[in-house]
N, C-alpha and C. Protein backbone atom coordinates (compact mmCIF):
# COMPACT_ATOMS: atom_id res chain seq x y z
N MET A 1 120.31 111.26 84.83
CA MET A 1 120.40 111.35 86.09
C MET A 1 119.12 110.12 86.78
N SER A 2 119.22 109.05 87.04
CA SER A 2 118.54 108.39 87.61
C SER A 2 117.50 109.11 88.74
N GLN A 3 116.37 108.55 88.94
CA GLN A 3 115.81 108.69 90.26
C GLN A 3 115.94 108.45 91.52
N LYS A 4 115.63 108.62 92.40
CA LYS A 4 116.25 108.05 94.29
C LYS A 4 114.71 107.02 93.94
N ILE A 5 115.54 105.81 94.77
CA ILE A 5 114.85 104.98 95.05
C ILE A 5 113.59 105.56 96.19
N ARG A 6 112.32 105.06 96.12
CA ARG A 6 111.39 105.49 97.32
C ARG A 6 110.82 104.45 97.98
N VAL A 7 110.91 104.48 99.07
CA VAL A 7 110.85 103.64 100.58
C VAL A 7 109.71 103.60 101.35
N VAL A 8 108.68 103.24 101.41
CA VAL A 8 107.74 103.54 102.02
C VAL A 8 107.81 102.18 103.44
N ILE A 9 108.15 103.19 104.77
CA ILE A 9 108.36 102.04 106.08
C ILE A 9 107.13 101.97 107.03
N ALA A 10 106.69 100.81 106.98
CA ALA A 10 105.81 100.99 107.81
C ALA A 10 105.92 100.31 108.78
N LYS A 11 104.91 100.16 110.25
CA LYS A 11 104.92 99.46 111.49
C LYS A 11 103.47 99.17 111.58
N PRO A 12 103.22 97.48 110.78
CA PRO A 12 101.87 97.40 110.73
C PRO A 12 101.64 96.29 112.40
N GLY A 13 100.15 96.49 112.29
CA GLY A 13 99.81 95.58 113.52
C GLY A 13 99.81 96.85 114.64
N LEU A 14 99.86 96.06 115.94
CA LEU A 14 99.25 96.95 117.31
C LEU A 14 100.80 96.87 117.95
N ASP A 15 102.03 96.55 117.26
CA ASP A 15 103.34 96.72 118.08
C ASP A 15 103.95 98.13 117.92
N GLY A 16 103.97 98.74 119.09
CA GLY A 16 104.38 100.23 119.31
C GLY A 16 105.65 100.75 119.41
N HIS A 17 106.47 99.53 118.91
CA HIS A 17 108.09 99.59 119.64
C HIS A 17 108.82 100.28 117.73
N ASP A 18 108.81 101.52 117.52
CA ASP A 18 109.02 101.73 116.40
C ASP A 18 110.91 102.35 116.23
N ARG A 19 111.61 102.10 116.93
CA ARG A 19 112.81 102.54 116.96
C ARG A 19 113.69 102.31 115.87
N GLY A 20 113.49 100.58 115.82
CA GLY A 20 114.24 100.37 114.49
C GLY A 20 113.85 100.83 113.28
N ALA A 21 112.76 100.76 113.13
CA ALA A 21 112.04 101.33 111.77
C ALA A 21 112.77 102.74 111.59
N LYS A 22 112.25 103.60 112.58
CA LYS A 22 113.29 104.88 111.95
C LYS A 22 114.71 104.71 112.00
N VAL A 23 115.24 103.99 112.67
CA VAL A 23 117.08 103.91 112.36
C VAL A 23 116.77 103.36 110.75
N ILE A 24 116.11 102.22 111.20
CA ILE A 24 116.22 102.24 108.85
C ILE A 24 115.74 103.51 108.33
N ALA A 25 114.77 103.70 108.75
CA ALA A 25 114.35 105.47 107.42
C ALA A 25 115.94 105.85 107.60
N ARG A 26 116.43 106.28 108.65
CA ARG A 26 117.55 107.25 108.83
C ARG A 26 118.76 106.89 107.21
N ALA A 27 118.73 105.35 107.88
CA ALA A 27 120.09 104.80 107.44
C ALA A 27 119.92 104.90 105.60
N LEU A 28 118.14 104.45 105.20
CA LEU A 28 118.05 104.66 103.84
C LEU A 28 118.42 105.63 103.55
N ARG A 29 117.78 106.61 104.02
CA ARG A 29 118.16 108.16 103.62
C ARG A 29 119.33 108.40 103.55
N ASP A 30 119.88 108.43 104.32
CA ASP A 30 121.37 108.85 104.54
C ASP A 30 122.34 107.99 103.35
N ALA A 31 121.88 106.80 102.96
CA ALA A 31 121.91 106.14 101.63
C ALA A 31 121.66 106.75 100.11
N GLY A 32 120.90 107.70 100.08
CA GLY A 32 120.18 108.27 99.26
C GLY A 32 119.02 108.20 98.46
N MET A 33 118.09 107.14 99.46
CA MET A 33 116.83 107.05 99.01
C MET A 33 115.94 107.90 99.58
N GLU A 34 115.04 108.09 99.04
CA GLU A 34 113.87 109.00 99.59
C GLU A 34 112.67 107.84 100.80
N VAL A 35 112.77 108.00 101.45
CA VAL A 35 112.41 107.33 102.49
C VAL A 35 110.63 108.15 103.37
N ILE A 36 110.04 107.24 103.12
CA ILE A 36 108.12 107.67 103.72
C ILE A 36 107.81 106.87 104.46
N TYR A 37 108.15 107.22 106.05
CA TYR A 37 108.07 106.41 107.42
C TYR A 37 105.90 107.14 107.50
N THR A 38 105.41 105.73 107.32
CA THR A 38 103.80 105.86 107.76
C THR A 38 103.46 106.02 108.92
N GLY A 39 104.48 105.34 110.26
CA GLY A 39 104.17 105.40 111.40
C GLY A 39 103.50 104.21 112.11
N LEU A 40 103.08 103.83 113.28
CA LEU A 40 102.38 103.37 114.11
C LEU A 40 101.30 102.74 113.84
N ARG A 41 101.04 101.30 113.72
CA ARG A 41 99.70 101.08 113.53
C ARG A 41 98.90 100.63 112.73
N GLN A 42 99.63 100.22 111.65
CA GLN A 42 99.41 100.68 110.01
C GLN A 42 98.43 99.27 109.80
N THR A 43 97.74 99.36 108.84
CA THR A 43 96.79 98.13 108.81
C THR A 43 97.28 97.92 106.85
N PRO A 44 97.34 96.47 106.41
CA PRO A 44 97.72 96.57 105.17
C PRO A 44 97.18 97.39 104.10
N GLU A 45 95.57 97.45 104.17
CA GLU A 45 95.11 98.52 103.51
C GLU A 45 95.65 99.83 103.82
N MET A 46 96.52 100.32 104.63
CA MET A 46 96.82 101.49 104.91
C MET A 46 97.99 102.00 103.85
N ILE A 47 98.51 100.79 104.16
CA ILE A 47 100.63 100.68 103.84
C ILE A 47 100.21 100.44 102.30
N VAL A 48 99.89 100.19 101.71
CA VAL A 48 99.77 99.91 100.19
C VAL A 48 98.86 101.35 99.67
N ALA A 49 98.10 101.81 100.19
CA ALA A 49 97.62 102.98 99.86
C ALA A 49 98.67 103.70 99.79
N ALA A 50 99.07 104.41 100.83
CA ALA A 50 100.62 105.03 100.87
C ALA A 50 101.91 104.83 100.05
N THR A 51 102.22 103.68 99.89
CA THR A 51 102.79 102.96 98.41
C THR A 51 102.30 103.74 97.20
N LEU A 52 100.79 103.04 96.72
CA LEU A 52 100.23 103.83 95.83
C LEU A 52 100.42 105.06 95.31
N GLN A 53 99.98 106.00 96.60
CA GLN A 53 99.95 107.52 96.74
C GLN A 53 101.38 108.23 96.64
N GLU A 54 102.35 107.47 97.08
CA GLU A 54 103.87 107.70 96.93
C GLU A 54 104.55 107.15 95.99
N ASP A 55 103.92 106.42 94.80
CA ASP A 55 104.93 105.94 93.87
C ASP A 55 105.78 105.24 94.25
N ALA A 56 105.73 104.30 95.41
CA ALA A 56 107.37 103.89 95.81
C ALA A 56 107.69 102.38 95.14
N ASP A 57 108.63 102.56 95.50
CA ASP A 57 109.66 101.19 94.62
C ASP A 57 109.51 100.02 95.74
N VAL A 58 109.72 100.24 97.13
CA VAL A 58 109.80 99.30 97.85
C VAL A 58 109.04 99.51 99.65
N ILE A 59 108.52 98.40 99.90
CA ILE A 59 107.93 98.67 101.16
C ILE A 59 108.45 98.01 102.22
N GLY A 60 109.33 98.69 103.12
CA GLY A 60 109.76 98.29 104.42
C GLY A 60 109.11 97.65 105.56
N LEU A 61 108.68 96.74 105.93
CA LEU A 61 107.64 96.43 107.24
C LEU A 61 108.49 95.96 108.26
N SER A 62 108.54 96.53 109.26
CA SER A 62 109.07 96.76 110.60
C SER A 62 108.01 95.70 111.41
N ILE A 63 108.60 94.73 111.96
CA ILE A 63 107.15 93.68 112.33
C ILE A 63 108.21 92.84 113.90
N LEU A 64 107.59 93.21 115.25
CA LEU A 64 108.37 92.29 115.86
C LEU A 64 107.50 91.64 116.91
N SER A 65 105.86 91.90 116.34
CA SER A 65 104.82 91.08 117.26
C SER A 65 104.81 90.16 116.94
N GLY A 66 105.14 89.17 116.07
CA GLY A 66 104.84 87.83 115.69
C GLY A 66 103.55 87.68 114.46
N ALA A 67 103.39 88.93 114.10
CA ALA A 67 101.92 88.85 113.38
C ALA A 67 102.26 88.97 111.71
N HIS A 68 103.53 88.61 111.27
CA HIS A 68 104.31 88.59 109.93
C HIS A 68 103.11 87.62 109.23
N MET A 69 102.97 86.61 109.60
CA MET A 69 102.44 85.86 109.21
C MET A 69 100.98 85.72 108.50
N HIS A 70 100.14 86.50 108.93
CA HIS A 70 99.06 87.56 109.15
C HIS A 70 99.09 88.64 108.24
N ILE A 71 99.97 89.43 108.21
CA ILE A 71 100.36 90.89 107.77
C ILE A 71 100.82 90.40 106.36
N CYS A 72 101.79 89.74 106.12
CA CYS A 72 102.64 89.95 104.74
C CYS A 72 101.63 89.16 103.72
N PRO A 73 101.04 88.35 104.05
CA PRO A 73 100.23 87.43 102.81
C PRO A 73 99.47 88.56 102.58
N ARG A 74 98.81 89.56 102.86
CA ARG A 74 97.73 90.32 103.35
C ARG A 74 98.46 91.95 102.32
N VAL A 75 99.18 92.12 102.54
CA VAL A 75 99.90 93.39 101.78
C VAL A 75 100.42 92.52 100.25
N MET A 76 100.73 91.61 100.46
CA MET A 76 101.11 91.11 98.83
C MET A 76 99.83 90.92 98.08
N GLU A 77 98.61 90.70 98.92
CA GLU A 77 97.30 90.27 98.25
C GLU A 77 97.06 91.55 97.44
N LEU A 78 96.74 92.46 98.66
CA LEU A 78 96.94 94.34 98.05
C LEU A 78 97.09 94.81 96.91
N LEU A 79 98.50 94.50 97.07
CA LEU A 79 100.15 95.32 96.08
C LEU A 79 99.53 94.41 94.55
N LYS A 80 99.04 93.06 94.63
CA LYS A 80 98.44 92.40 93.57
C LYS A 80 97.53 92.89 92.62
N GLU A 81 96.66 93.37 93.79
CA GLU A 81 95.23 93.58 93.22
C GLU A 81 95.38 95.04 92.73
N LYS A 82 96.27 95.79 93.03
CA LYS A 82 96.62 97.02 92.89
C LYS A 82 97.28 97.20 91.59
N GLY A 83 98.23 95.99 91.05
CA GLY A 83 98.83 95.94 90.03
C GLY A 83 100.29 96.25 90.30
N LEU A 84 100.74 96.21 91.79
CA LEU A 84 101.87 96.94 92.30
C LEU A 84 102.85 95.56 92.14
N ASP A 85 102.94 94.75 91.92
CA ASP A 85 103.52 93.34 91.87
C ASP A 85 105.10 93.55 91.67
N ASP A 86 105.25 94.74 91.07
CA ASP A 86 106.51 95.18 90.81
C ASP A 86 107.56 95.44 92.18
N VAL A 87 106.46 95.97 92.44
CA VAL A 87 107.14 97.04 94.35
C VAL A 87 108.17 95.29 94.93
N GLN A 88 109.12 95.60 95.60
CA GLN A 88 110.00 95.38 96.89
C GLN A 88 109.21 94.77 97.81
N VAL A 89 109.22 94.09 98.52
CA VAL A 89 108.28 94.23 99.74
C VAL A 89 109.83 93.54 100.58
N VAL A 90 110.11 94.34 101.54
CA VAL A 90 111.39 93.79 102.96
C VAL A 90 110.78 93.82 103.71
N ILE A 91 111.00 92.66 104.62
CA ILE A 91 110.79 92.64 106.01
C ILE A 91 111.75 92.49 107.27
N GLY A 92 111.66 93.39 108.24
CA GLY A 92 112.48 93.57 109.44
C GLY A 92 112.02 93.16 110.65
N GLY A 93 112.69 92.19 111.48
CA GLY A 93 112.00 92.36 112.80
C GLY A 93 112.40 90.46 113.33
N ILE A 94 111.46 90.21 114.12
CA ILE A 94 111.93 88.85 115.02
C ILE A 94 111.06 88.16 113.97
N ILE A 95 111.72 87.20 113.18
CA ILE A 95 111.02 86.36 112.31
C ILE A 95 111.78 85.08 112.63
N PRO A 96 110.66 83.87 112.87
CA PRO A 96 111.61 82.57 112.87
C PRO A 96 111.78 81.98 111.85
N ASP A 97 112.42 81.03 111.62
CA ASP A 97 113.55 80.80 110.52
C ASP A 97 112.99 79.56 109.75
N ILE A 98 111.27 79.26 110.54
CA ILE A 98 110.63 78.17 109.93
C ILE A 98 109.59 79.00 109.12
N ASP A 99 109.45 80.71 109.00
CA ASP A 99 108.59 81.29 108.54
C ASP A 99 109.23 81.51 107.46
N ILE A 100 110.30 81.93 107.18
CA ILE A 100 111.25 82.43 105.58
C ILE A 100 110.84 81.73 104.47
N PRO A 101 110.75 80.36 104.89
CA PRO A 101 110.19 79.75 103.36
C PRO A 101 109.15 80.39 102.85
N LYS A 102 108.02 80.18 103.73
CA LYS A 102 106.79 80.64 103.52
C LYS A 102 106.66 82.34 103.13
N LEU A 103 107.53 82.88 103.70
CA LEU A 103 107.85 84.48 103.44
C LEU A 103 107.94 84.15 101.71
N ASN A 104 108.96 83.37 101.21
CA ASN A 104 109.83 83.52 100.06
C ASN A 104 108.72 83.29 99.21
N ALA A 105 107.75 82.14 99.43
CA ALA A 105 106.72 81.47 98.54
C ALA A 105 105.86 82.72 98.23
N ILE A 106 105.36 83.80 99.33
CA ILE A 106 104.53 84.65 98.64
C ILE A 106 105.28 85.89 97.93
N GLY A 107 106.49 86.01 97.53
CA GLY A 107 107.30 87.37 97.06
C GLY A 107 107.96 87.98 97.96
N ILE A 108 108.45 87.76 98.84
CA ILE A 108 109.24 88.19 100.20
C ILE A 108 110.75 87.80 99.98
N ARG A 109 111.75 88.59 99.82
CA ARG A 109 112.78 88.18 99.82
C ARG A 109 113.71 88.56 100.66
N GLY A 110 113.71 89.98 100.73
CA GLY A 110 114.19 90.59 102.03
C GLY A 110 113.87 90.22 103.00
N ILE A 111 114.34 89.74 103.75
CA ILE A 111 114.09 89.57 105.45
C ILE A 111 115.63 89.86 106.21
N PHE A 112 115.51 90.41 106.90
CA PHE A 112 116.33 90.92 108.02
C PHE A 112 115.72 90.78 109.55
N ILE A 113 116.59 90.24 110.45
CA ILE A 113 116.60 90.04 111.58
C ILE A 113 117.46 90.98 112.63
N PRO A 114 116.61 91.21 113.91
CA PRO A 114 117.78 92.09 114.49
C PRO A 114 119.32 92.05 114.28
N GLY A 115 120.06 93.07 114.37
CA GLY A 115 121.41 92.65 114.30
C GLY A 115 122.23 92.74 112.43
N THR A 116 121.15 92.99 111.97
CA THR A 116 121.94 92.49 110.02
C THR A 116 122.33 93.97 110.21
N PRO A 117 123.94 94.01 109.42
CA PRO A 117 124.26 95.42 109.29
C PRO A 117 123.43 96.06 108.25
N MET A 118 123.33 97.65 108.81
CA MET A 118 122.76 98.03 107.73
C MET A 118 123.32 98.22 106.05
N GLN A 119 124.18 98.15 105.92
CA GLN A 119 124.98 98.30 104.52
C GLN A 119 124.54 97.27 104.04
N GLN A 120 124.29 95.94 104.40
CA GLN A 120 123.42 94.29 104.10
C GLN A 120 121.81 94.73 103.55
N ILE A 121 121.07 95.72 104.20
CA ILE A 121 119.96 96.05 103.61
C ILE A 121 119.80 97.26 102.40
N ILE A 122 120.76 98.42 102.97
CA ILE A 122 121.13 99.15 101.83
C ILE A 122 121.28 98.54 100.48
N ASP A 123 122.38 97.23 100.86
CA ASP A 123 122.57 96.76 99.19
C ASP A 123 121.45 96.49 98.40
N PHE A 124 120.80 95.40 99.44
CA PHE A 124 119.35 94.41 98.75
C PHE A 124 118.67 95.56 98.51
N ILE A 125 118.01 96.39 99.07
CA ILE A 125 117.50 97.04 98.08
C ILE A 125 117.55 97.95 97.13
N THR A 126 118.52 98.22 97.13
CA THR A 126 119.49 98.90 95.81
C THR A 126 119.33 97.93 94.61
N ALA A 127 119.64 96.48 94.61
CA ALA A 127 119.95 95.77 94.15
C ALA A 127 118.46 95.12 93.54
N ASN A 128 117.61 95.60 94.70
CA ASN A 128 115.79 94.83 94.10
C ASN A 128 114.78 95.88 93.43
N ALA A 129 114.95 96.95 94.32
CA ALA A 129 114.18 97.64 94.00
C ALA A 129 113.58 97.65 92.46
N ARG A 130 112.59 97.89 91.73
CA ARG A 130 111.94 98.05 90.69
C ARG A 130 112.90 99.31 90.06
N ALA A 131 112.62 99.25 89.29
CA ALA A 131 113.35 100.14 87.83
C ALA A 131 112.58 101.54 87.59
N ARG A 132 113.02 102.39 87.58
CA ARG A 132 112.29 103.52 87.52
C ARG A 132 112.74 104.08 86.08
N VAL A 133 111.21 104.36 85.37
CA VAL A 133 111.30 104.73 83.80
C VAL A 133 111.07 106.40 83.76
């Protein structure tokens, strides 16, 4: 039997709106994933520490504040430092089209804007989560 995909959902920065993050967390849980929601106002260091502690396969960042170009590179840098290069990072929120290639370049492939169907997010995570041994 394969183990469940473990996903850390985090709200980095000062954005206090977490309804979307909670909706995503519930949808992923309903799809059979194990979800750890870290709560509001997480730093990149806190997110990576939770990922390591929880042995997560995926990090889902919910960012509506526009700070994604500051937060995401730092998260990716910390993951590399901790030897967690194989953790899939996805981001949801208000992401301008001009920033998508920059996020792709640092290794973030799953970028979901408001209105993305839940099944599309679930399918992406299922297809791209690191393999469990």
